Amino acid sequence: MHPALDVELISVTKRYGSTAAVENISLRIPRGTYCCLLGPSGCGKTSTLRMIAGHETISEGDIIINGVNVSDLPPVKRGTAMMFQSYALFPHLNCIDNVAFGLKMRGVGKAERRARAGELLSMVQMEKYAERLPAQLSGGQQQRVALARALITRPKVLLLDEPLSALDPFLRGAMREELKRLQRELGISFIHVTHSQEEALALADLVVVMDHGVIVQSGAPREVFDTPATAFIARFMGGHNVITNGHGAFAVRADRCRIAPPTANEGLPGSICSIEYLGAVVKVGIATEAGGQIVALLPDDQFFAAPLMMGAPARLVWAPQDAHPVAA
């Protein structure tokens, strides 16, 4: 039990019958950390979050929150609050009563709980909408109310289950900034489940990548993106080419690659099979002679200074220091 940790998972396993959804994972989340659990569908990230919350029982192992072993405690005794993907607001209650509901359940008087709910609505910039019903709010506004409701019990840890997945891309970006701001202001740990690499990189201090019920890598976002431990992580994080040679595999970031003429005596030979203009960069795909496809992300000005043609022979090249070995 480490005093500077908000959450510690010790050899935690979750089985459904003979199937392990989560297998023997250990994780330390330092105090005041924004942690993203990241991975493809079915990797065990939501089961992990629900075990921390107490909504799923643990098959084996221990969960320590703020120095207390909470493995056998009900959700309300754990010092956590959970914000669900669906927001789960009560349709018949206005915003202030939705936010105050958790305090009502704890027997707090009406004046006190409404005053505290008003403070929370101000924190998420929704005080003007206090008397509105959820049906009168946009998705982004409903989400802010759900966030205020989760925070009203002053949790030590806030748990978020894919909280941005229902929002449009523009609103998602705005809400990312809002979540990060709130986490810094409150100084508590947020544990946020997502399958979006971009979301995890933008938000997290600690990225935990899961696959098939185990943690395959955890670390700072830049560390996980720049030095993926395995070919799976390099591919899943995106923006990398995974290249195999006789002695193993290595990853090289697509934005560190460039296209050279077919006469160059370095890199991998092939022919240009796709060109996608993405605004700031142009994504150029090369079909290799070995049958795979590799990609270079070229700055738009560099591409248009010497445009490439579909089907033209070319070589993908990179600097040796940009190639990073990965476990297959």
C-alpha atoms as a PDB file:
ATOM      1  CA  MET A   1       0.000   0.000   0.000  1.00  0.00           C
ATOM      2  CA  HIS A   2       1.851   2.995  -1.338  1.00  0.00           C
ATOM      3  CA  PRO A   3       0.909   6.342   0.263  1.00  0.00           C
ATOM      4  CA  ALA A   4       1.356   8.359  -2.950  1.00  0.00           C
ATOM      5  CA  LEU A   5      -1.025   6.162  -4.974  1.00  0.00           C
ATOM      6  CA  ASP A   6      -4.709   6.865  -5.603  1.00  0.00           C
ATOM      7  CA  VAL A   7      -5.371   3.381  -6.993  1.00  0.00           C
ATOM      8  CA  GLU A   8      -3.425   0.132  -6.980  1.00  0.00           C
ATOM      9  CA  LEU A   9      -4.485  -3.109  -8.650  1.00  0.00           C
ATOM     10  CA  ILE A  10      -2.632  -6.184  -7.374  1.00  0.00           C
ATOM     11  CA  SER A  11      -2.829  -9.355  -9.517  1.00  0.00           C
ATOM     12  CA  VAL A  12      -6.476  -8.713 -10.416  1.00  0.00           C
ATOM     13  CA  THR A  13      -8.345 -11.370 -12.421  1.00  0.00           C
ATOM     14  CA  LYS A  14     -11.975 -11.435 -13.604  1.00  0.00           C
ATOM     15  CA  ARG A  15     -13.457 -14.694 -14.871  1.00  0.00           C
ATOM     16  CA  TYR A  16     -16.851 -15.347 -16.397  1.00  0.00           C
ATOM     17  CA  GLY A  17     -17.115 -19.144 -16.072  1.00  0.00           C
ATOM     18  CA  SER A  18     -13.910 -20.487 -17.609  1.00  0.00           C
ATOM     19  CA  THR A  19     -13.242 -17.310 -19.646  1.00  0.00           C
ATOM     20  CA  ALA A  20     -10.846 -14.705 -18.224  1.00  0.00           C
ATOM     21  CA  ALA A  21     -11.947 -11.170 -19.191  1.00  0.00           C
ATOM     22  CA  VAL A  22      -9.022  -9.742 -17.198  1.00  0.00           C
ATOM     23  CA  GLU A  23      -6.020 -11.855 -16.253  1.00  0.00           C
ATOM     24  CA  ASN A  24      -3.604 -11.131 -13.424  1.00  0.00           C
ATOM     25  CA  ILE A  25      -3.158  -7.388 -14.016  1.00  0.00           C
ATOM     26  CA  SER A  26      -1.206  -5.113 -11.685  1.00  0.00           C
ATOM     27  CA  LEU A  27      -1.256  -1.333 -12.001  1.00  0.00           C
ATOM     28  CA  ARG A  28      -0.239   1.667  -9.878  1.00  0.00           C
ATOM     29  CA  ILE A  29      -1.936   5.019 -10.471  1.00  0.00           C
ATOM     30  CA  PRO A  30      -0.109   7.859  -8.664  1.00  0.00           C
ATOM     31  CA  ARG A  31      -2.091  10.538  -6.859  1.00  0.00           C
ATOM     32  CA  GLY A  32      -3.795  13.082  -9.131  1.00  0.00           C
ATOM     33  CA  THR A  33      -3.213  11.175 -12.390  1.00  0.00           C
ATOM     34  CA  TYR A  34      -5.275  11.270 -15.586  1.00  0.00           C
ATOM     35  CA  CYS A  35      -5.123   7.584 -16.575  1.00  0.00           C
ATOM     36  CA  CYS A  36      -6.578   6.241 -19.828  1.00  0.00           C
ATOM     37  CA  LEU A  37      -7.289   2.525 -20.222  1.00  0.00           C
ATOM     38  CA  LEU A  38      -6.924   2.027 -23.964  1.00  0.00           C
ATOM     39  CA  GLY A  39      -7.477  -0.948 -26.227  1.00  0.00           C
ATOM     40  CA  PRO A  40      -9.716  -2.611 -28.806  1.00  0.00           C
ATOM     41  CA  SER A  41     -13.208  -3.919 -28.023  1.00  0.00           C
ATOM     42  CA  GLY A  42     -13.150  -6.907 -25.688  1.00  0.00           C
ATOM     43  CA  CYS A  43      -9.650  -6.190 -24.309  1.00  0.00           C
ATOM     44  CA  GLY A  44     -10.835  -6.015 -20.664  1.00  0.00           C
ATOM     45  CA  LYS A  45     -10.702  -2.254 -20.102  1.00  0.00           C
ATOM     46  CA  THR A  46     -14.385  -1.800 -19.151  1.00  0.00           C
ATOM     47  CA  SER A  47     -14.318  -4.885 -16.889  1.00  0.00           C
ATOM     48  CA  THR A  48     -11.291  -3.341 -15.145  1.00  0.00           C
ATOM     49  CA  LEU A  49     -13.100  -0.029 -14.649  1.00  0.00           C
ATOM     50  CA  ARG A  50     -16.214  -1.779 -13.321  1.00  0.00           C
ATOM     51  CA  MET A  51     -14.123  -3.799 -10.852  1.00  0.00           C
ATOM     52  CA  ILE A  52     -12.545  -0.578  -9.530  1.00  0.00           C
ATOM     53  CA  ALA A  53     -16.055   0.886  -9.171  1.00  0.00           C
ATOM     54  CA  GLY A  54     -17.396  -2.219  -7.426  1.00  0.00           C
ATOM     55  CA  HIS A  55     -19.971  -2.920 -10.153  1.00  0.00           C
ATOM     56  CA  GLU A  56     -18.179  -6.216 -10.926  1.00  0.00           C
ATOM     57  CA  THR A  57     -16.806  -8.651  -8.360  1.00  0.00           C
ATOM     58  CA  ILE A  58     -13.135  -9.607  -8.531  1.00  0.00           C
ATOM     59  CA  SER A  59     -12.317 -13.289  -9.089  1.00  0.00           C
ATOM     60  CA  GLU A  60      -8.787 -12.905  -7.649  1.00  0.00           C
ATOM     61  CA  GLY A  61      -6.514 -10.114  -6.458  1.00  0.00           C
ATOM     62  CA  ASP A  62      -6.945  -6.833  -4.594  1.00  0.00           C
ATOM     63  CA  ILE A  63      -7.914  -3.241  -5.350  1.00  0.00           C
ATOM     64  CA  ILE A  64      -6.496  -0.534  -3.087  1.00  0.00           C
ATOM     65  CA  ILE A  65      -7.981   2.993  -3.238  1.00  0.00           C
ATOM     66  CA  ASN A  66      -6.300   5.736  -1.224  1.00  0.00           C
ATOM     67  CA  GLY A  67      -4.536   3.146   0.942  1.00  0.00           C
ATOM     68  CA  VAL A  68      -7.681   1.105   1.731  1.00  0.00           C
ATOM     69  CA  ASN A  69      -8.358  -2.387   0.359  1.00  0.00           C
ATOM     70  CA  VAL A  70     -11.835  -1.946  -1.173  1.00  0.00           C
ATOM     71  CA  SER A  71     -12.082  -5.356  -2.854  1.00  0.00           C
ATOM     72  CA  ASP A  72     -15.097  -6.405  -0.753  1.00  0.00           C
ATOM     73  CA  LEU A  73     -16.700  -2.961  -0.272  1.00  0.00           C
ATOM     74  CA  PRO A  74     -19.893  -1.849  -2.082  1.00  0.00           C
ATOM     75  CA  PRO A  75     -19.544   0.976  -4.677  1.00  0.00           C
ATOM     76  CA  VAL A  76     -20.855   3.675  -2.298  1.00  0.00           C
ATOM     77  CA  LYS A  77     -18.084   2.933   0.256  1.00  0.00           C
ATOM     78  CA  ARG A  78     -15.148   3.073  -2.197  1.00  0.00           C
ATOM     79  CA  GLY A  79     -14.670   6.824  -2.615  1.00  0.00           C
ATOM     80  CA  THR A  80     -15.198   6.529  -6.367  1.00  0.00           C
ATOM     81  CA  ALA A  81     -17.857   7.956  -8.676  1.00  0.00           C
ATOM     82  CA  MET A  82     -18.688   6.674 -12.135  1.00  0.00           C
ATOM     83  CA  MET A  83     -19.807   8.578 -15.208  1.00  0.00           C
ATOM     84  CA  PHE A  84     -21.543   6.271 -17.653  1.00  0.00           C
ATOM     85  CA  GLN A  85     -21.442   6.365 -21.450  1.00  0.00           C
ATOM     86  CA  SER A  86     -25.234   6.895 -21.569  1.00  0.00           C
ATOM     87  CA  TYR A  87     -25.119   9.772 -18.980  1.00  0.00           C
ATOM     88  CA  ALA A  88     -28.137   8.075 -17.244  1.00  0.00           C
ATOM     89  CA  LEU A  89     -29.804  11.356 -16.186  1.00  0.00           C
ATOM     90  CA  PHE A  90     -33.287  11.160 -14.628  1.00  0.00           C
ATOM     91  CA  PRO A  91     -35.655  12.502 -17.333  1.00  0.00           C
ATOM     92  CA  HIS A  92     -38.220  13.872 -14.834  1.00  0.00           C
ATOM     93  CA  LEU A  93     -35.681  15.874 -12.773  1.00  0.00           C
ATOM     94  CA  ASN A  94     -34.240  19.231 -13.794  1.00  0.00           C
ATOM     95  CA  CYS A  95     -30.462  19.737 -13.931  1.00  0.00           C
ATOM     96  CA  ILE A  96     -29.974  20.963 -10.379  1.00  0.00           C
ATOM     97  CA  ASP A  97     -32.009  18.082  -8.909  1.00  0.00           C
ATOM     98  CA  ASN A  98     -30.186  15.553 -11.112  1.00  0.00           C
ATOM     99  CA  VAL A  99     -26.858  16.847  -9.806  1.00  0.00           C
ATOM    100  CA  ALA A 100     -28.096  16.991  -6.173  1.00  0.00           C
ATOM    101  CA  PHE A 101     -29.486  13.429  -6.269  1.00  0.00           C
ATOM    102  CA  GLY A 102     -26.366  11.750  -4.831  1.00  0.00           C
ATOM    103  CA  LEU A 103     -26.471  14.049  -1.787  1.00  0.00           C
ATOM    104  CA  LYS A 104     -30.232  13.485  -1.370  1.00  0.00           C
ATOM    105  CA  MET A 105     -29.518   9.735  -1.127  1.00  0.00           C
ATOM    106  CA  ARG A 106     -27.028  10.501   1.637  1.00  0.00           C
ATOM    107  CA  GLY A 107     -29.593  12.474   3.619  1.00  0.00           C
ATOM    108  CA  VAL A 108     -28.180  15.985   2.990  1.00  0.00           C
ATOM    109  CA  GLY A 109     -30.799  18.739   3.463  1.00  0.00           C
ATOM    110  CA  LYS A 110     -32.446  20.369   0.441  1.00  0.00           C
ATOM    111  CA  ALA A 111     -30.908  23.849   0.785  1.00  0.00           C
ATOM    112  CA  GLU A 112     -27.382  22.495   1.278  1.00  0.00           C
ATOM    113  CA  ARG A 113     -27.541  19.964  -1.546  1.00  0.00           C
ATOM    114  CA  ARG A 114     -29.014  22.486  -4.011  1.00  0.00           C
ATOM    115  CA  ALA A 115     -26.321  25.042  -3.092  1.00  0.00           C
ATOM    116  CA  ARG A 116     -23.602  22.442  -3.671  1.00  0.00           C
ATOM    117  CA  ALA A 117     -25.266  21.338  -6.938  1.00  0.00           C
ATOM    118  CA  GLY A 118     -25.262  24.984  -8.062  1.00  0.00           C
ATOM    119  CA  GLU A 119     -21.497  25.187  -7.430  1.00  0.00           C
ATOM    120  CA  LEU A 120     -20.912  22.036  -9.471  1.00  0.00           C
ATOM    121  CA  LEU A 121     -23.082  23.300 -12.352  1.00  0.00           C
ATOM    122  CA  SER A 122     -20.977  26.495 -12.363  1.00  0.00           C
ATOM    123  CA  MET A 123     -17.796  24.424 -12.469  1.00  0.00           C
ATOM    124  CA  VAL A 124     -19.015  22.692 -15.660  1.00  0.00           C
ATOM    125  CA  GLN A 125     -20.446  25.993 -17.035  1.00  0.00           C
ATOM    126  CA  MET A 126     -24.082  24.849 -16.884  1.00  0.00           C
ATOM    127  CA  GLU A 127     -25.485  27.163 -14.172  1.00  0.00           C
ATOM    128  CA  LYS A 128     -27.779  28.941 -16.695  1.00  0.00           C
ATOM    129  CA  TYR A 129     -29.537  25.625 -17.396  1.00  0.00           C
ATOM    130  CA  ALA A 130     -30.240  24.645 -13.774  1.00  0.00           C
ATOM    131  CA  GLU A 131     -34.048  24.461 -14.211  1.00  0.00           C
ATOM    132  CA  ARG A 132     -34.060  22.637 -17.561  1.00  0.00           C
ATOM    133  CA  LEU A 133     -34.963  18.982 -18.030  1.00  0.00           C
ATOM    134  CA  PRO A 134     -32.444  16.646 -19.744  1.00  0.00           C
ATOM    135  CA  ALA A 135     -34.650  16.469 -22.879  1.00  0.00           C
ATOM    136  CA  GLN A 136     -34.161  20.241 -23.314  1.00  0.00           C
ATOM    137  CA  LEU A 137     -30.360  19.883 -23.458  1.00  0.00           C
ATOM    138  CA  SER A 138     -27.909  18.933 -26.217  1.00  0.00           C
ATOM    139  CA  GLY A 139     -25.729  15.826 -25.846  1.00  0.00           C
ATOM    140  CA  GLY A 140     -22.744  17.919 -24.778  1.00  0.00           C
ATOM    141  CA  GLN A 141     -24.830  19.762 -22.171  1.00  0.00           C
ATOM    142  CA  GLN A 142     -26.237  16.493 -20.803  1.00  0.00           C
ATOM    143  CA  GLN A 143     -22.698  15.226 -20.471  1.00  0.00           C
ATOM    144  CA  ARG A 144     -21.657  18.249 -18.401  1.00  0.00           C
ATOM    145  CA  VAL A 145     -24.609  17.670 -16.060  1.00  0.00           C
ATOM    146  CA  ALA A 146     -23.681  13.979 -15.720  1.00  0.00           C
ATOM    147  CA  LEU A 147     -20.113  15.035 -14.889  1.00  0.00           C
ATOM    148  CA  ALA A 148     -21.317  17.465 -12.205  1.00  0.00           C
ATOM    149  CA  ARG A 149     -23.560  14.739 -10.758  1.00  0.00           C
ATOM    150  CA  ALA A 150     -20.639  12.302 -10.555  1.00  0.00           C
ATOM    151  CA  LEU A 151     -18.433  14.884  -8.822  1.00  0.00           C
ATOM    152  CA  ILE A 152     -20.924  16.081  -6.185  1.00  0.00           C
ATOM    153  CA  THR A 153     -20.042  13.318  -3.696  1.00  0.00           C
ATOM    154  CA  ARG A 154     -16.409  14.562  -3.755  1.00  0.00           C
ATOM    155  CA  PRO A 155     -14.958  11.251  -4.964  1.00  0.00           C
ATOM    156  CA  LYS A 156     -11.271  10.456  -4.523  1.00  0.00           C
ATOM    157  CA  VAL A 157     -11.292   8.881  -8.002  1.00  0.00           C
ATOM    158  CA  LEU A 158     -13.599   9.595 -10.972  1.00  0.00           C
ATOM    159  CA  LEU A 159     -14.252   6.685 -13.349  1.00  0.00           C
ATOM    160  CA  LEU A 160     -15.332   7.482 -16.923  1.00  0.00           C
ATOM    161  CA  ASP A 161     -16.619   4.831 -19.328  1.00  0.00           C
ATOM    162  CA  GLU A 162     -16.074   6.039 -22.926  1.00  0.00           C
ATOM    163  CA  PRO A 163     -17.533   9.437 -21.946  1.00  0.00           C
ATOM    164  CA  LEU A 164     -16.917  11.155 -25.313  1.00  0.00           C
ATOM    165  CA  SER A 165     -17.994   8.435 -27.743  1.00  0.00           C
ATOM    166  CA  ALA A 166     -21.528   9.811 -28.307  1.00  0.00           C
ATOM    167  CA  LEU A 167     -20.344  13.337 -29.193  1.00  0.00           C
ATOM    168  CA  ASP A 168     -19.535  14.763 -32.624  1.00  0.00           C
ATOM    169  CA  PRO A 169     -15.807  15.272 -33.363  1.00  0.00           C
ATOM    170  CA  PHE A 170     -15.820  19.062 -32.751  1.00  0.00           C
ATOM    171  CA  LEU A 171     -17.578  18.713 -29.385  1.00  0.00           C
ATOM    172  CA  ARG A 172     -15.348  15.797 -28.464  1.00  0.00           C
ATOM    173  CA  GLY A 173     -12.285  18.046 -28.771  1.00  0.00           C
ATOM    174  CA  ALA A 174     -13.886  20.748 -26.625  1.00  0.00           C
ATOM    175  CA  MET A 175     -14.927  18.260 -23.949  1.00  0.00           C
ATOM    176  CA  ARG A 176     -11.425  16.746 -23.856  1.00  0.00           C
ATOM    177  CA  GLU A 177     -10.069  20.142 -22.867  1.00  0.00           C
ATOM    178  CA  GLU A 178     -12.850  20.483 -20.284  1.00  0.00           C
ATOM    179  CA  LEU A 179     -12.113  17.077 -18.704  1.00  0.00           C
ATOM    180  CA  LYS A 180      -8.394  17.849 -18.467  1.00  0.00           C
ATOM    181  CA  ARG A 181      -9.106  21.260 -16.912  1.00  0.00           C
ATOM    182  CA  LEU A 182     -11.455  19.761 -14.308  1.00  0.00           C
ATOM    183  CA  GLN A 183      -9.027  16.977 -13.430  1.00  0.00           C
ATOM    184  CA  ARG A 184      -6.243  19.514 -12.833  1.00  0.00           C
ATOM    185  CA  GLU A 185      -8.496  21.821 -10.782  1.00  0.00           C
ATOM    186  CA  LEU A 186      -9.859  18.996  -8.613  1.00  0.00           C
ATOM    187  CA  GLY A 187      -6.473  17.307  -8.192  1.00  0.00           C
ATOM    188  CA  ILE A 188      -8.029  13.816  -8.123  1.00  0.00           C
ATOM    189  CA  SER A 189      -7.335  10.840 -10.374  1.00  0.00           C
ATOM    190  CA  PHE A 190      -9.540  10.285 -13.419  1.00  0.00           C
ATOM    191  CA  ILE A 191      -9.588   6.760 -14.896  1.00  0.00           C
ATOM    192  CA  HIS A 192     -11.016   6.986 -18.395  1.00  0.00           C
ATOM    193  CA  VAL A 193     -11.807   4.017 -20.671  1.00  0.00           C
ATOM    194  CA  THR A 194     -11.463   4.690 -24.405  1.00  0.00           C
ATOM    195  CA  HIS A 195     -10.736   2.900 -27.661  1.00  0.00           C
ATOM    196  CA  SER A 196      -9.511   6.193 -29.222  1.00  0.00           C
ATOM    197  CA  GLN A 197      -5.732   6.515 -29.406  1.00  0.00           C
ATOM    198  CA  GLU A 198      -6.036  10.261 -30.087  1.00  0.00           C
ATOM    199  CA  GLU A 199      -8.175  10.733 -26.958  1.00  0.00           C
ATOM    200  CA  ALA A 200      -5.715   8.825 -24.768  1.00  0.00           C
ATOM    201  CA  LEU A 201      -2.694  10.730 -26.107  1.00  0.00           C
ATOM    202  CA  ALA A 202      -4.429  14.106 -25.674  1.00  0.00           C
ATOM    203  CA  LEU A 203      -5.717  13.508 -22.129  1.00  0.00           C
ATOM    204  CA  ALA A 204      -3.579  11.068 -20.214  1.00  0.00           C
ATOM    205  CA  ASP A 205      -0.582  11.380 -17.950  1.00  0.00           C
ATOM    206  CA  LEU A 206      -0.600   7.565 -17.901  1.00  0.00           C
ATOM    207  CA  VAL A 207      -1.683   5.448 -20.893  1.00  0.00           C
ATOM    208  CA  VAL A 208      -2.431   1.775 -20.127  1.00  0.00           C
ATOM    209  CA  VAL A 209      -2.781  -0.332 -23.289  1.00  0.00           C
ATOM    210  CA  MET A 210      -4.741  -3.576 -22.852  1.00  0.00           C
ATOM    211  CA  ASP A 211      -5.227  -6.550 -25.151  1.00  0.00           C
ATOM    212  CA  HIS A 212      -6.904  -9.918 -24.463  1.00  0.00           C
ATOM    213  CA  GLY A 213      -7.355  -9.135 -20.768  1.00  0.00           C
ATOM    214  CA  VAL A 214      -3.758  -8.175 -19.984  1.00  0.00           C
ATOM    215  CA  ILE A 215      -1.795  -4.912 -19.815  1.00  0.00           C
ATOM    216  CA  VAL A 216       0.641  -4.947 -22.721  1.00  0.00           C
ATOM    217  CA  GLN A 217       2.266  -1.567 -22.025  1.00  0.00           C
ATOM    218  CA  SER A 218       1.803   1.398 -19.707  1.00  0.00           C
ATOM    219  CA  GLY A 219       3.610   4.712 -19.516  1.00  0.00           C
ATOM    220  CA  ALA A 220       3.516   8.380 -20.460  1.00  0.00           C
ATOM    221  CA  PRO A 221       1.712   9.026 -23.789  1.00  0.00           C
ATOM    222  CA  ARG A 222       4.887  10.029 -25.597  1.00  0.00           C
ATOM    223  CA  GLU A 223       6.723   6.945 -24.353  1.00  0.00           C
ATOM    224  CA  VAL A 224       3.950   4.582 -25.517  1.00  0.00           C
ATOM    225  CA  PHE A 225       3.634   6.290 -28.905  1.00  0.00           C
ATOM    226  CA  ASP A 226       7.366   6.728 -29.579  1.00  0.00           C
ATOM    227  CA  THR A 227       8.550   3.364 -28.239  1.00  0.00           C
ATOM    228  CA  PRO A 228       5.741   0.801 -28.597  1.00  0.00           C
ATOM    229  CA  ALA A 229       6.783  -2.458 -26.942  1.00  0.00           C
ATOM    230  CA  THR A 230       5.171  -4.790 -29.480  1.00  0.00           C
ATOM    231  CA  ALA A 231       4.043  -4.879 -33.089  1.00  0.00           C
ATOM    232  CA  PHE A 232       0.412  -4.962 -31.835  1.00  0.00           C
ATOM    233  CA  ILE A 233       0.885  -1.695 -29.896  1.00  0.00           C
ATOM    234  CA  ALA A 234       2.659  -0.010 -32.819  1.00  0.00           C
ATOM    235  CA  ARG A 235      -0.208  -0.940 -35.150  1.00  0.00           C
ATOM    236  CA  PHE A 236      -2.938  -0.152 -32.611  1.00  0.00           C
ATOM    237  CA  MET A 237      -1.531   3.283 -31.705  1.00  0.00           C
ATOM    238  CA  GLY A 238      -1.463   4.079 -35.439  1.00  0.00           C
ATOM    239  CA  GLY A 239       1.000   6.248 -37.328  1.00  0.00           C
ATOM    240  CA  HIS A 240       3.674   3.510 -37.469  1.00  0.00           C
ATOM    241  CA  ASN A 241       4.979   1.106 -40.046  1.00  0.00           C
ATOM    242  CA  VAL A 242       5.853  -2.328 -38.653  1.00  0.00           C
ATOM    243  CA  ILE A 243       8.587  -3.814 -40.789  1.00  0.00           C
ATOM    244  CA  THR A 244       9.895  -7.356 -40.403  1.00  0.00           C
ATOM    245  CA  ASN A 245      13.333  -8.488 -41.418  1.00  0.00           C
ATOM    246  CA  GLY A 246      15.247 -11.740 -40.967  1.00  0.00           C
ATOM    247  CA  HIS A 247      16.153 -10.853 -37.351  1.00  0.00           C
ATOM    248  CA  GLY A 248      12.790  -9.611 -36.017  1.00  0.00           C
ATOM    249  CA  ALA A 249      10.522  -6.611 -36.372  1.00  0.00           C
ATOM    250  CA  PHE A 250      10.871  -2.881 -35.914  1.00  0.00           C
ATOM    251  CA  ALA A 251       8.489   0.075 -35.942  1.00  0.00           C
ATOM    252  CA  VAL A 252       9.132   3.400 -37.595  1.00  0.00           C
ATOM    253  CA  ARG A 253       6.762   6.353 -37.396  1.00  0.00           C
ATOM    254  CA  ALA A 254       5.114   7.169 -40.730  1.00  0.00           C
ATOM    255  CA  ASP A 255       5.827  10.894 -40.247  1.00  0.00           C
ATOM    256  CA  ARG A 256       9.550  10.089 -39.941  1.00  0.00           C
ATOM    257  CA  CYS A 257       9.545   8.283 -43.312  1.00  0.00           C
ATOM    258  CA  ARG A 258      10.134   9.825 -46.711  1.00  0.00           C
ATOM    259  CA  ILE A 259       9.828   8.708 -50.314  1.00  0.00           C
ATOM    260  CA  ALA A 260      13.001   8.281 -52.377  1.00  0.00           C
ATOM    261  CA  PRO A 261      13.420   7.486 -56.071  1.00  0.00           C
ATOM    262  CA  PRO A 262      13.620   3.802 -57.049  1.00  0.00           C
ATOM    263  CA  THR A 263      17.352   4.201 -57.746  1.00  0.00           C
ATOM    264  CA  ALA A 264      18.135   4.950 -54.064  1.00  0.00           C
ATOM    265  CA  ASN A 265      20.236   2.270 -52.374  1.00  0.00           C
ATOM    266  CA  GLU A 266      18.355   2.315 -49.049  1.00  0.00           C
ATOM    267  CA  GLY A 267      14.906   1.577 -47.654  1.00  0.00           C
ATOM    268  CA  LEU A 268      12.160  -0.670 -48.993  1.00  0.00           C
ATOM    269  CA  PRO A 269      11.215  -0.835 -52.684  1.00  0.00           C
ATOM    270  CA  GLY A 270       7.658  -0.824 -54.004  1.00  0.00           C
ATOM    271  CA  SER A 271       5.141   1.217 -55.962  1.00  0.00           C
ATOM    272  CA  ILE A 272       2.818   4.034 -54.905  1.00  0.00           C
ATOM    273  CA  CYS A 273      -0.656   2.570 -54.325  1.00  0.00           C
ATOM    274  CA  SER A 274      -2.535   5.362 -52.497  1.00  0.00           C
ATOM    275  CA  ILE A 275      -2.368   9.125 -52.028  1.00  0.00           C
ATOM    276  CA  GLU A 276      -4.622  10.790 -49.428  1.00  0.00           C
ATOM    277  CA  TYR A 277      -4.636  14.529 -48.841  1.00  0.00           C
ATOM    278  CA  LEU A 278      -5.310  15.124 -45.117  1.00  0.00           C
ATOM    279  CA  GLY A 279      -4.725  18.887 -44.941  1.00  0.00           C
ATOM    280  CA  ALA A 280      -1.471  19.401 -43.046  1.00  0.00           C
ATOM    281  CA  VAL A 281      -0.064  16.113 -44.357  1.00  0.00           C
ATOM    282  CA  VAL A 282      -0.400  13.836 -47.364  1.00  0.00           C
ATOM    283  CA  LYS A 283      -0.564  10.095 -46.627  1.00  0.00           C
ATOM    284  CA  VAL A 284       1.278   8.124 -49.302  1.00  0.00           C
ATOM    285  CA  GLY A 285       0.940   4.323 -49.366  1.00  0.00           C
ATOM    286  CA  ILE A 286       3.534   2.058 -50.958  1.00  0.00           C
ATOM    287  CA  ALA A 287       2.751  -1.537 -51.954  1.00  0.00           C
ATOM    288  CA  THR A 288       5.979  -3.421 -51.232  1.00  0.00           C
ATOM    289  CA  GLU A 289       7.445  -6.195 -53.307  1.00  0.00           C
ATOM    290  CA  ALA A 290       6.929  -8.521 -50.326  1.00  0.00           C
ATOM    291  CA  GLY A 291       3.169  -7.881 -50.520  1.00  0.00           C
ATOM    292  CA  GLY A 292       2.530  -5.563 -47.540  1.00  0.00           C
ATOM    293  CA  GLN A 293       1.651  -1.870 -47.516  1.00  0.00           C
ATOM    294  CA  ILE A 294       3.740   0.813 -45.823  1.00  0.00           C
ATOM    295  CA  VAL A 295       2.969   4.499 -45.393  1.00  0.00           C
ATOM    296  CA  ALA A 296       4.732   7.864 -45.321  1.00  0.00           C
ATOM    297  CA  LEU A 297       3.087  10.992 -43.919  1.00  0.00           C
ATOM    298  CA  LEU A 298       4.599  13.882 -45.842  1.00  0.00           C
ATOM    299  CA  PRO A 299       4.148  17.585 -44.991  1.00  0.00           C
ATOM    300  CA  ASP A 300       1.740  19.044 -47.568  1.00  0.00           C
ATOM    301  CA  ASP A 301       4.242  21.629 -48.871  1.00  0.00           C
ATOM    302  CA  GLN A 302       6.903  18.937 -49.330  1.00  0.00           C
ATOM    303  CA  PHE A 303       4.485  16.671 -51.248  1.00  0.00           C
ATOM    304  CA  PHE A 304       3.171  19.367 -53.580  1.00  0.00           C
ATOM    305  CA  ALA A 305       6.685  20.674 -54.325  1.00  0.00           C
ATOM    306  CA  ALA A 306       7.317  17.330 -56.061  1.00  0.00           C
ATOM    307  CA  PRO A 307       3.995  15.459 -56.465  1.00  0.00           C
ATOM    308  CA  LEU A 308       4.115  11.681 -56.766  1.00  0.00           C
ATOM    309  CA  MET A 309       2.098   9.641 -59.261  1.00  0.00           C
ATOM    310  CA  MET A 310      -0.042   6.554 -58.560  1.00  0.00           C
ATOM    311  CA  GLY A 311       1.704   3.366 -59.660  1.00  0.00           C
ATOM    312  CA  ALA A 312       5.153   4.983 -59.841  1.00  0.00           C
ATOM    313  CA  PRO A 313       8.072   2.947 -58.445  1.00  0.00           C
ATOM    314  CA  ALA A 314       9.543   4.386 -55.236  1.00  0.00           C
ATOM    315  CA  ARG A 315      11.347   3.478 -52.027  1.00  0.00           C
ATOM    316  CA  LEU A 316      10.320   4.176 -48.442  1.00  0.00           C
ATOM    317  CA  VAL A 317      13.319   5.404 -46.446  1.00  0.00           C
ATOM    318  CA  TRP A 318      13.945   6.493 -42.843  1.00  0.00           C
ATOM    319  CA  ALA A 319      16.838   7.498 -40.612  1.00  0.00           C
ATOM    320  CA  PRO A 320      18.338   4.564 -38.638  1.00  0.00           C
ATOM    321  CA  GLN A 321      17.710   6.308 -35.303  1.00  0.00           C
ATOM    322  CA  ASP A 322      13.932   6.402 -36.063  1.00  0.00           C
ATOM    323  CA  ALA A 323      13.636   2.596 -36.261  1.00  0.00           C
ATOM    324  CA  HIS A 324      12.585   1.075 -32.940  1.00  0.00           C
ATOM    325  CA  PRO A 325      12.695  -2.714 -32.329  1.00  0.00           C
ATOM    326  CA  VAL A 326       9.382  -4.310 -31.282  1.00  0.00           C
ATOM    327  CA  ALA A 327       8.452  -7.754 -30.022  1.00  0.00           C
ATOM    328  CA  ALA A 328       6.481  -9.670 -32.631  1.00  0.00           C
END
